[in-house]
Amino acid sequence: MNRVQLIGRLGRDPEGGRSGKGCYAKFSLATHRFRSGRQSVATVDHTEWHALVCYDRLAEIALEFLTRGSEVYVEGRLRSKRWLDREGKEQRSVEIRVDELRMLRHASGADRAATAAKGMASIENVLKDLAVGLRTDVSLTDLADMLRVLRTNLVGEEGGEGYGRDAVARRPMT
């Protein structure tokens, strides 16, 4: 079984766009581990960085709603890559292909109104594409989830700065 589950904060804003295969987004995620040292009482903070990539609707959501510092839960699978660099040396990397994305907390200092405006523009474009038949991969439930994220982004949520328990997106199984 190849499954990865992580909770962490984005190290940078997602980057991506459209390719011949559809929408994609790439971003880095930092996870932390705190532990006590064996010889001392001091705690040791270890940060692990992960390269993440998502496609289609998940990529659209990541590009529209996530910013550097946002806390997320991701679930996906490891994928290794090999290629030759310009000097002909073989390079390797490992990335996580995200199948599920749950937005947990906003980045501190994020402009909620600007994020909401950006999200509304995205939803407007999706609705236009649905109306003329260009999109079939988005349901009304998906749009309702996107609107719920926008609402909690604007007004917050009782007890914290989260996106809301239902702010989750999954890649459609093919």
C-alpha atoms as a PDB file:
ATOM      1  CA  MET A   1       0.000   0.000   0.000  1.00  0.00           C
ATOM      2  CA  ASN A   2       1.318   3.457  -0.893  1.00  0.00           C
ATOM      3  CA  ARG A   3      -0.484   6.024   1.325  1.00  0.00           C
ATOM      4  CA  VAL A   4       0.844   9.144   3.004  1.00  0.00           C
ATOM      5  CA  GLN A   5      -0.977  11.357   5.530  1.00  0.00           C
ATOM      6  CA  LEU A   6       0.534  14.671   6.627  1.00  0.00           C
ATOM      7  CA  ILE A   7      -0.432  17.763   8.585  1.00  0.00           C
ATOM      8  CA  GLY A   8       1.771  20.786   8.085  1.00  0.00           C
ATOM      9  CA  ARG A   9       2.121  24.342   6.842  1.00  0.00           C
ATOM     10  CA  LEU A  10       2.770  25.495   3.298  1.00  0.00           C
ATOM     11  CA  GLY A  11       6.303  26.758   2.753  1.00  0.00           C
ATOM     12  CA  ARG A  12       5.294  28.870  -0.244  1.00  0.00           C
ATOM     13  CA  ASP A  13       2.231  29.829  -2.232  1.00  0.00           C
ATOM     14  CA  PRO A  14       1.104  27.085  -4.611  1.00  0.00           C
ATOM     15  CA  GLU A  15       2.373  27.467  -8.156  1.00  0.00           C
ATOM     16  CA  GLY A  16       0.798  25.953 -11.206  1.00  0.00           C
ATOM     17  CA  GLY A  17      -1.615  26.499 -14.013  1.00  0.00           C
ATOM     18  CA  ARG A  18      -2.967  24.547 -16.942  1.00  0.00           C
ATOM     19  CA  SER A  19      -1.150  22.026 -19.075  1.00  0.00           C
ATOM     20  CA  GLY A  20      -2.367  19.765 -21.845  1.00  0.00           C
ATOM     21  CA  LYS A  21      -3.606  17.341 -19.183  1.00  0.00           C
ATOM     22  CA  GLY A  22      -5.521  19.910 -17.105  1.00  0.00           C
ATOM     23  CA  CYS A  23      -4.931  22.061 -14.056  1.00  0.00           C
ATOM     24  CA  TYR A  24      -2.017  21.355 -11.704  1.00  0.00           C
ATOM     25  CA  ALA A  25      -0.563  22.899  -8.539  1.00  0.00           C
ATOM     26  CA  LYS A  26       2.764  22.329  -6.792  1.00  0.00           C
ATOM     27  CA  PHE A  27       3.731  23.447  -3.308  1.00  0.00           C
ATOM     28  CA  SER A  28       5.943  22.514  -0.378  1.00  0.00           C
ATOM     29  CA  LEU A  29       4.731  21.386   3.015  1.00  0.00           C
ATOM     30  CA  ALA A  30       6.674  21.545   6.277  1.00  0.00           C
ATOM     31  CA  THR A  31       5.990  19.032   9.025  1.00  0.00           C
ATOM     32  CA  HIS A  32       7.523  19.327  12.486  1.00  0.00           C
ATOM     33  CA  ARG A  33       8.569  16.835  15.096  1.00  0.00           C
ATOM     34  CA  PHE A  34       9.354  17.913  18.624  1.00  0.00           C
ATOM     35  CA  ARG A  35      11.222  15.550  20.913  1.00  0.00           C
ATOM     36  CA  SER A  36      13.381  15.683  24.005  1.00  0.00           C
ATOM     37  CA  GLY A  37      17.088  15.114  23.642  1.00  0.00           C
ATOM     38  CA  ARG A  38      18.504  12.039  25.352  1.00  0.00           C
ATOM     39  CA  GLN A  39      21.324  13.836  27.147  1.00  0.00           C
ATOM     40  CA  SER A  40      19.532  17.085  27.942  1.00  0.00           C
ATOM     41  CA  VAL A  41      16.121  18.442  28.804  1.00  0.00           C
ATOM     42  CA  ALA A  42      16.093  20.687  25.751  1.00  0.00           C
ATOM     43  CA  THR A  43      13.593  19.854  23.030  1.00  0.00           C
ATOM     44  CA  VAL A  44      14.740  19.318  19.475  1.00  0.00           C
ATOM     45  CA  ASP A  45      12.679  20.664  16.608  1.00  0.00           C
ATOM     46  CA  HIS A  46      13.066  18.758  13.357  1.00  0.00           C
ATOM     47  CA  THR A  47      11.389  20.083  10.210  1.00  0.00           C
ATOM     48  CA  GLU A  48      10.835  17.825   7.233  1.00  0.00           C
ATOM     49  CA  TRP A  49       9.988  19.356   3.843  1.00  0.00           C
ATOM     50  CA  HIS A  50       7.725  17.562   1.372  1.00  0.00           C
ATOM     51  CA  ALA A  51       7.098  18.339  -2.311  1.00  0.00           C
ATOM     52  CA  LEU A  52       3.391  18.052  -3.140  1.00  0.00           C
ATOM     53  CA  VAL A  53       1.511  18.085  -6.429  1.00  0.00           C
ATOM     54  CA  CYS A  54      -2.216  17.956  -7.102  1.00  0.00           C
ATOM     55  CA  TYR A  55      -4.319  17.990 -10.235  1.00  0.00           C
ATOM     56  CA  ASP A  56      -7.705  19.036 -11.573  1.00  0.00           C
ATOM     57  CA  ARG A  57     -10.209  20.366  -9.013  1.00  0.00           C
ATOM     58  CA  LEU A  58      -7.810  19.920  -6.100  1.00  0.00           C
ATOM     59  CA  ALA A  59      -5.267  22.044  -7.948  1.00  0.00           C
ATOM     60  CA  GLU A  60      -7.851  24.761  -8.571  1.00  0.00           C
ATOM     61  CA  ILE A  61      -8.733  24.818  -4.871  1.00  0.00           C
ATOM     62  CA  ALA A  62      -5.082  24.901  -3.815  1.00  0.00           C
ATOM     63  CA  LEU A  63      -4.287  27.754  -6.201  1.00  0.00           C
ATOM     64  CA  GLU A  64      -7.307  29.781  -5.117  1.00  0.00           C
ATOM     65  CA  PHE A  65      -7.445  29.249  -1.360  1.00  0.00           C
ATOM     66  CA  LEU A  66      -4.006  28.304  -0.051  1.00  0.00           C
ATOM     67  CA  THR A  67      -1.156  30.667   0.773  1.00  0.00           C
ATOM     68  CA  ARG A  68       2.221  30.382   2.415  1.00  0.00           C
ATOM     69  CA  GLY A  69       1.708  29.463   6.074  1.00  0.00           C
ATOM     70  CA  SER A  70      -1.722  27.834   5.645  1.00  0.00           C
ATOM     71  CA  GLU A  71      -2.087  24.665   7.692  1.00  0.00           C
ATOM     72  CA  VAL A  72      -3.452  21.673   5.774  1.00  0.00           C
ATOM     73  CA  TYR A  73      -4.043  17.950   6.044  1.00  0.00           C
ATOM     74  CA  VAL A  74      -3.119  16.031   2.914  1.00  0.00           C
ATOM     75  CA  GLU A  75      -3.490  12.434   1.962  1.00  0.00           C
ATOM     76  CA  GLY A  76      -1.945  10.921  -1.109  1.00  0.00           C
ATOM     77  CA  ARG A  77       0.738   8.625  -2.434  1.00  0.00           C
ATOM     78  CA  LEU A  78       4.478   8.807  -2.941  1.00  0.00           C
ATOM     79  CA  ARG A  79       5.789   9.113  -6.449  1.00  0.00           C
ATOM     80  CA  SER A  80       9.472   9.009  -7.345  1.00  0.00           C
ATOM     81  CA  LYS A  81      10.939  10.669 -10.405  1.00  0.00           C
ATOM     82  CA  ARG A  82      14.215  10.308 -12.262  1.00  0.00           C
ATOM     83  CA  TRP A  83      15.648  12.587 -14.925  1.00  0.00           C
ATOM     84  CA  LEU A  84      18.901  13.766 -16.458  1.00  0.00           C
ATOM     85  CA  ASP A  85      20.031  17.269 -15.627  1.00  0.00           C
ATOM     86  CA  ARG A  86      21.789  19.618 -18.074  1.00  0.00           C
ATOM     87  CA  GLU A  87      25.139  18.043 -17.254  1.00  0.00           C
ATOM     88  CA  GLY A  88      23.815  14.541 -17.954  1.00  0.00           C
ATOM     89  CA  LYS A  89      23.763  13.449 -14.309  1.00  0.00           C
ATOM     90  CA  GLU A  90      20.848  11.392 -13.103  1.00  0.00           C
ATOM     91  CA  GLN A  91      18.704  13.247 -10.569  1.00  0.00           C
ATOM     92  CA  ARG A  92      16.014  11.813  -8.313  1.00  0.00           C
ATOM     93  CA  SER A  93      13.190  13.283  -6.319  1.00  0.00           C
ATOM     94  CA  VAL A  94      10.137  12.135  -4.420  1.00  0.00           C
ATOM     95  CA  GLU A  95       6.841  13.986  -4.393  1.00  0.00           C
ATOM     96  CA  ILE A  96       3.452  13.330  -2.897  1.00  0.00           C
ATOM     97  CA  ARG A  97       0.542  13.218  -5.293  1.00  0.00           C
ATOM     98  CA  VAL A  98      -2.356  14.600  -3.267  1.00  0.00           C
ATOM     99  CA  ASP A  99      -5.706  12.773  -3.393  1.00  0.00           C
ATOM    100  CA  GLU A 100      -7.351  14.555  -0.444  1.00  0.00           C
ATOM    101  CA  LEU A 101      -6.820  18.072   0.845  1.00  0.00           C
ATOM    102  CA  ARG A 102      -8.297  19.446   4.047  1.00  0.00           C
ATOM    103  CA  MET A 103      -7.731  23.095   4.879  1.00  0.00           C
ATOM    104  CA  LEU A 104      -7.216  23.487   8.626  1.00  0.00           C
ATOM    105  CA  ARG A 105      -6.023  27.044   9.417  1.00  0.00           C
ATOM    106  CA  HIS A 106      -5.361  30.284   7.605  1.00  0.00           C
ATOM    107  CA  ALA A 107      -1.888  31.677   7.358  1.00  0.00           C
ATOM    108  CA  SER A 108      -1.371  34.288  10.037  1.00  0.00           C
ATOM    109  CA  GLY A 109      -1.696  37.757   8.568  1.00  0.00           C
ATOM    110  CA  ALA A 110      -3.617  36.538   5.509  1.00  0.00           C
ATOM    111  CA  ASP A 111      -5.998  39.098   4.004  1.00  0.00           C
ATOM    112  CA  ARG A 112      -9.349  37.336   4.300  1.00  0.00           C
ATOM    113  CA  ALA A 113     -11.207  39.726   1.997  1.00  0.00           C
ATOM    114  CA  ALA A 114      -8.635  39.384  -0.783  1.00  0.00           C
ATOM    115  CA  THR A 115      -8.645  35.600  -0.472  1.00  0.00           C
ATOM    116  CA  ALA A 116     -12.461  35.547  -0.569  1.00  0.00           C
ATOM    117  CA  ALA A 117     -12.572  37.810  -3.630  1.00  0.00           C
ATOM    118  CA  LYS A 118     -10.111  35.555  -5.423  1.00  0.00           C
ATOM    119  CA  GLY A 119     -12.205  32.519  -4.470  1.00  0.00           C
ATOM    120  CA  MET A 120     -15.450  34.127  -5.669  1.00  0.00           C
ATOM    121  CA  ALA A 121     -13.855  34.857  -9.052  1.00  0.00           C
ATOM    122  CA  SER A 122     -12.803  31.224  -9.289  1.00  0.00           C
ATOM    123  CA  ILE A 123     -16.296  29.961  -8.422  1.00  0.00           C
ATOM    124  CA  GLU A 124     -17.788  32.376 -10.963  1.00  0.00           C
ATOM    125  CA  ASN A 125     -15.534  30.935 -13.687  1.00  0.00           C
ATOM    126  CA  VAL A 126     -16.436  27.360 -12.723  1.00  0.00           C
ATOM    127  CA  LEU A 127     -20.162  28.217 -12.841  1.00  0.00           C
ATOM    128  CA  LYS A 128     -19.771  29.768 -16.307  1.00  0.00           C
ATOM    129  CA  ASP A 129     -17.910  26.689 -17.542  1.00  0.00           C
ATOM    130  CA  LEU A 130     -20.614  24.413 -16.078  1.00  0.00           C
ATOM    131  CA  ALA A 131     -23.364  26.465 -17.720  1.00  0.00           C
ATOM    132  CA  VAL A 132     -21.893  26.090 -21.211  1.00  0.00           C
ATOM    133  CA  GLY A 133     -20.859  22.454 -20.740  1.00  0.00           C
ATOM    134  CA  LEU A 134     -17.079  22.940 -20.568  1.00  0.00           C
ATOM    135  CA  ARG A 135     -16.858  21.361 -17.105  1.00  0.00           C
ATOM    136  CA  THR A 136     -18.367  18.097 -15.964  1.00  0.00           C
ATOM    137  CA  ASP A 137     -15.964  17.298 -13.120  1.00  0.00           C
ATOM    138  CA  VAL A 138     -17.544  19.691 -10.581  1.00  0.00           C
ATOM    139  CA  SER A 139     -20.800  18.991  -8.757  1.00  0.00           C
ATOM    140  CA  LEU A 140     -23.142  21.345  -6.921  1.00  0.00           C
ATOM    141  CA  THR A 141     -21.860  19.792  -3.689  1.00  0.00           C
ATOM    142  CA  ASP A 142     -18.335  20.799  -4.704  1.00  0.00           C
ATOM    143  CA  LEU A 143     -19.505  24.366  -5.313  1.00  0.00           C
ATOM    144  CA  ALA A 144     -21.305  24.405  -1.951  1.00  0.00           C
ATOM    145  CA  ASP A 145     -18.060  23.285  -0.269  1.00  0.00           C
ATOM    146  CA  MET A 146     -16.162  26.076  -2.017  1.00  0.00           C
ATOM    147  CA  LEU A 147     -18.728  28.637  -0.842  1.00  0.00           C
ATOM    148  CA  ARG A 148     -18.528  27.287   2.722  1.00  0.00           C
ATOM    149  CA  VAL A 149     -14.754  27.813   2.656  1.00  0.00           C
ATOM    150  CA  LEU A 150     -15.300  31.391   1.475  1.00  0.00           C
ATOM    151  CA  ARG A 151     -17.842  32.071   4.210  1.00  0.00           C
ATOM    152  CA  THR A 152     -15.609  30.790   6.985  1.00  0.00           C
ATOM    153  CA  ASN A 153     -12.710  32.698   5.459  1.00  0.00           C
ATOM    154  CA  LEU A 154     -14.641  35.953   5.729  1.00  0.00           C
ATOM    155  CA  VAL A 155     -16.314  35.572   9.118  1.00  0.00           C
ATOM    156  CA  GLY A 156     -14.019  33.089  10.813  1.00  0.00           C
ATOM    157  CA  GLU A 157     -15.220  30.234  12.925  1.00  0.00           C
ATOM    158  CA  GLU A 158     -16.074  30.083  16.573  1.00  0.00           C
ATOM    159  CA  GLY A 159     -13.132  28.789  18.553  1.00  0.00           C
ATOM    160  CA  GLY A 160     -10.381  29.413  16.033  1.00  0.00           C
ATOM    161  CA  GLU A 161      -9.106  30.568  12.703  1.00  0.00           C
ATOM    162  CA  GLY A 162      -9.975  27.376  10.836  1.00  0.00           C
ATOM    163  CA  TYR A 163     -11.629  26.889   7.493  1.00  0.00           C
ATOM    164  CA  GLY A 164     -14.386  24.712   8.929  1.00  0.00           C
ATOM    165  CA  ARG A 165     -14.684  20.996   9.469  1.00  0.00           C
ATOM    166  CA  ASP A 166     -16.267  20.397   6.073  1.00  0.00           C
ATOM    167  CA  ALA A 167     -13.636  22.217   3.998  1.00  0.00           C
ATOM    168  CA  VAL A 168     -12.263  19.136   2.323  1.00  0.00           C
ATOM    169  CA  ALA A 169     -11.642  18.307  -1.295  1.00  0.00           C
ATOM    170  CA  ARG A 170     -10.900  14.953  -2.849  1.00  0.00           C
ATOM    171  CA  ARG A 171      -9.614  13.999  -6.239  1.00  0.00           C
ATOM    172  CA  PRO A 172     -12.290  12.083  -8.166  1.00  0.00           C
ATOM    173  CA  MET A 173     -11.418   8.402  -8.394  1.00  0.00           C
ATOM    174  CA  THR A 174     -10.832   7.300 -11.963  1.00  0.00           C
END
